[in-house]
Amino acid sequence: MLRSIRHHLKPTTAALQHFGPEARHHELALSETQAITLLHEREQPLDLERPLGYVIFRHAGRILGCGLYTPGRLRSQLPQHPVASF
């Protein structure tokens, strides 16, 4: 369900697919622009008032995957292969 990566617990893809729809914490709704930026640039500056660690990305009500939020930066953990447009 979770994998220990450095100082954080990262949810597995299987866990996100199974339990992600029920998540109410550690999730982040992305705009289309944010989602595309994360897919192409892999990270973006972002200051959030939330705990540090892994977050579930959602766009248009769907789970895209997860990312890592560290102070002032959101880093994508989404696959790097070409992705169709939203």
C-alpha atoms as a PDB file:
ATOM      1  CA  MET A   1       0.000   0.000   0.000  1.00  0.00           C
ATOM      2  CA  LEU A   2       2.805   2.411   0.917  1.00  0.00           C
ATOM      3  CA  ARG A   3       6.454   2.519  -0.001  1.00  0.00           C
ATOM      4  CA  SER A   4       9.041   4.279   2.149  1.00  0.00           C
ATOM      5  CA  ILE A   5      10.971   6.770   0.021  1.00  0.00           C
ATOM      6  CA  ARG A   6      13.511   8.863   1.926  1.00  0.00           C
ATOM      7  CA  HIS A   7      11.524  10.671   4.637  1.00  0.00           C
ATOM      8  CA  HIS A   8       8.043  10.097   3.230  1.00  0.00           C
ATOM      9  CA  LEU A   9       5.559   7.311   2.681  1.00  0.00           C
ATOM     10  CA  LYS A  10       4.569   7.132  -0.992  1.00  0.00           C
ATOM     11  CA  PRO A  11       1.274   5.486  -1.929  1.00  0.00           C
ATOM     12  CA  THR A  12       1.515   2.753  -4.538  1.00  0.00           C
ATOM     13  CA  THR A  13      -0.386   3.033  -7.794  1.00  0.00           C
ATOM     14  CA  ALA A  14      -2.600   0.125  -6.737  1.00  0.00           C
ATOM     15  CA  ALA A  15      -3.474   1.899  -3.475  1.00  0.00           C
ATOM     16  CA  LEU A  16      -4.316   5.125  -5.316  1.00  0.00           C
ATOM     17  CA  GLN A  17      -6.525   3.283  -7.779  1.00  0.00           C
ATOM     18  CA  HIS A  18      -8.342   1.404  -5.040  1.00  0.00           C
ATOM     19  CA  PHE A  19      -8.575   3.920  -2.183  1.00  0.00           C
ATOM     20  CA  GLY A  20      -7.910   7.238  -3.927  1.00  0.00           C
ATOM     21  CA  PRO A  21     -11.552   8.000  -4.712  1.00  0.00           C
ATOM     22  CA  GLU A  22     -12.277   7.924  -0.961  1.00  0.00           C
ATOM     23  CA  ALA A  23      -9.370  10.195   0.008  1.00  0.00           C
ATOM     24  CA  ARG A  24     -10.300  13.430   1.744  1.00  0.00           C
ATOM     25  CA  HIS A  25      -6.841  14.497   2.925  1.00  0.00           C
ATOM     26  CA  HIS A  26      -3.530  14.920   1.136  1.00  0.00           C
ATOM     27  CA  GLU A  27      -5.196  15.536  -2.183  1.00  0.00           C
ATOM     28  CA  LEU A  28      -4.860  18.420  -4.604  1.00  0.00           C
ATOM     29  CA  ALA A  29      -7.247  19.376  -7.391  1.00  0.00           C
ATOM     30  CA  LEU A  30      -5.190  20.610 -10.337  1.00  0.00           C
ATOM     31  CA  SER A  31      -6.308  23.014 -13.000  1.00  0.00           C
ATOM     32  CA  GLU A  32      -5.722  21.906 -16.577  1.00  0.00           C
ATOM     33  CA  THR A  33      -2.754  24.285 -16.795  1.00  0.00           C
ATOM     34  CA  GLN A  34      -1.191  22.901 -13.599  1.00  0.00           C
ATOM     35  CA  ALA A  35      -1.660  19.309 -14.740  1.00  0.00           C
ATOM     36  CA  ILE A  36      -0.089  19.979 -18.145  1.00  0.00           C
ATOM     37  CA  THR A  37       2.815  21.861 -16.545  1.00  0.00           C
ATOM     38  CA  LEU A  38       3.505  18.968 -14.183  1.00  0.00           C
ATOM     39  CA  LEU A  39       3.370  16.470 -17.039  1.00  0.00           C
ATOM     40  CA  HIS A  40       5.851  18.427 -19.150  1.00  0.00           C
ATOM     41  CA  GLU A  41       8.104  20.177 -16.649  1.00  0.00           C
ATOM     42  CA  ARG A  42       7.860  17.610 -13.806  1.00  0.00           C
ATOM     43  CA  GLU A  43       7.679  20.299 -11.090  1.00  0.00           C
ATOM     44  CA  GLN A  44       6.494  23.792 -10.387  1.00  0.00           C
ATOM     45  CA  PRO A  45       6.857  26.366  -7.658  1.00  0.00           C
ATOM     46  CA  LEU A  46       3.830  26.341  -5.392  1.00  0.00           C
ATOM     47  CA  ASP A  47       3.237  27.515  -1.829  1.00  0.00           C
ATOM     48  CA  LEU A  48       0.424  25.672  -0.096  1.00  0.00           C
ATOM     49  CA  GLU A  49      -0.861  25.732   3.440  1.00  0.00           C
ATOM     50  CA  ARG A  50      -0.780  21.977   3.837  1.00  0.00           C
ATOM     51  CA  PRO A  51       1.483  19.320   5.337  1.00  0.00           C
ATOM     52  CA  LEU A  52       4.578  18.338   3.407  1.00  0.00           C
ATOM     53  CA  GLY A  53       4.667  14.945   1.717  1.00  0.00           C
ATOM     54  CA  TYR A  54       2.876  13.050  -1.001  1.00  0.00           C
ATOM     55  CA  VAL A  55      -0.432  14.305  -2.360  1.00  0.00           C
ATOM     56  CA  ILE A  56      -2.964  12.732  -4.688  1.00  0.00           C
ATOM     57  CA  PHE A  57      -3.448  14.706  -7.907  1.00  0.00           C
ATOM     58  CA  ARG A  58      -6.952  15.079  -9.256  1.00  0.00           C
ATOM     59  CA  HIS A  59      -8.162  16.820 -12.383  1.00  0.00           C
ATOM     60  CA  ALA A  60     -11.795  17.065 -13.437  1.00  0.00           C
ATOM     61  CA  GLY A  61     -12.732  14.632 -10.667  1.00  0.00           C
ATOM     62  CA  ARG A  62     -10.304  11.930 -11.787  1.00  0.00           C
ATOM     63  CA  ILE A  63      -7.180  10.715 -10.035  1.00  0.00           C
ATOM     64  CA  LEU A  64      -4.079  11.327 -12.142  1.00  0.00           C
ATOM     65  CA  GLY A  65      -1.508   9.964  -9.695  1.00  0.00           C
ATOM     66  CA  CYS A  66       0.584  11.523  -6.985  1.00  0.00           C
ATOM     67  CA  GLY A  67       3.219  14.131  -6.397  1.00  0.00           C
ATOM     68  CA  LEU A  68       5.540  15.275  -3.664  1.00  0.00           C
ATOM     69  CA  TYR A  69       4.967  18.619  -1.962  1.00  0.00           C
ATOM     70  CA  THR A  70       8.057  20.122  -0.342  1.00  0.00           C
ATOM     71  CA  PRO A  71       8.469  23.719   0.855  1.00  0.00           C
ATOM     72  CA  GLY A  72       7.601  25.958  -2.103  1.00  0.00           C
ATOM     73  CA  ARG A  73       7.639  23.199  -4.708  1.00  0.00           C
ATOM     74  CA  LEU A  74       5.334  20.559  -6.133  1.00  0.00           C
ATOM     75  CA  ARG A  75       7.108  17.694  -7.900  1.00  0.00           C
ATOM     76  CA  SER A  76       5.307  15.276 -10.182  1.00  0.00           C
ATOM     77  CA  GLN A  77       5.464  11.528  -9.655  1.00  0.00           C
ATOM     78  CA  LEU A  78       3.346  11.000 -12.781  1.00  0.00           C
ATOM     79  CA  PRO A  79       4.624   8.734 -15.575  1.00  0.00           C
ATOM     80  CA  GLN A  80       6.966  10.421 -18.044  1.00  0.00           C
ATOM     81  CA  HIS A  81       5.647   8.754 -21.196  1.00  0.00           C
ATOM     82  CA  PRO A  82       3.525  10.826 -23.625  1.00  0.00           C
ATOM     83  CA  VAL A  83       0.039  11.467 -22.300  1.00  0.00           C
ATOM     84  CA  ALA A  84      -3.077  12.343 -24.257  1.00  0.00           C
ATOM     85  CA  SER A  85      -4.594  15.770 -23.776  1.00  0.00           C
ATOM     86  CA  PHE A  86      -7.222  16.380 -21.135  1.00  0.00           C
END
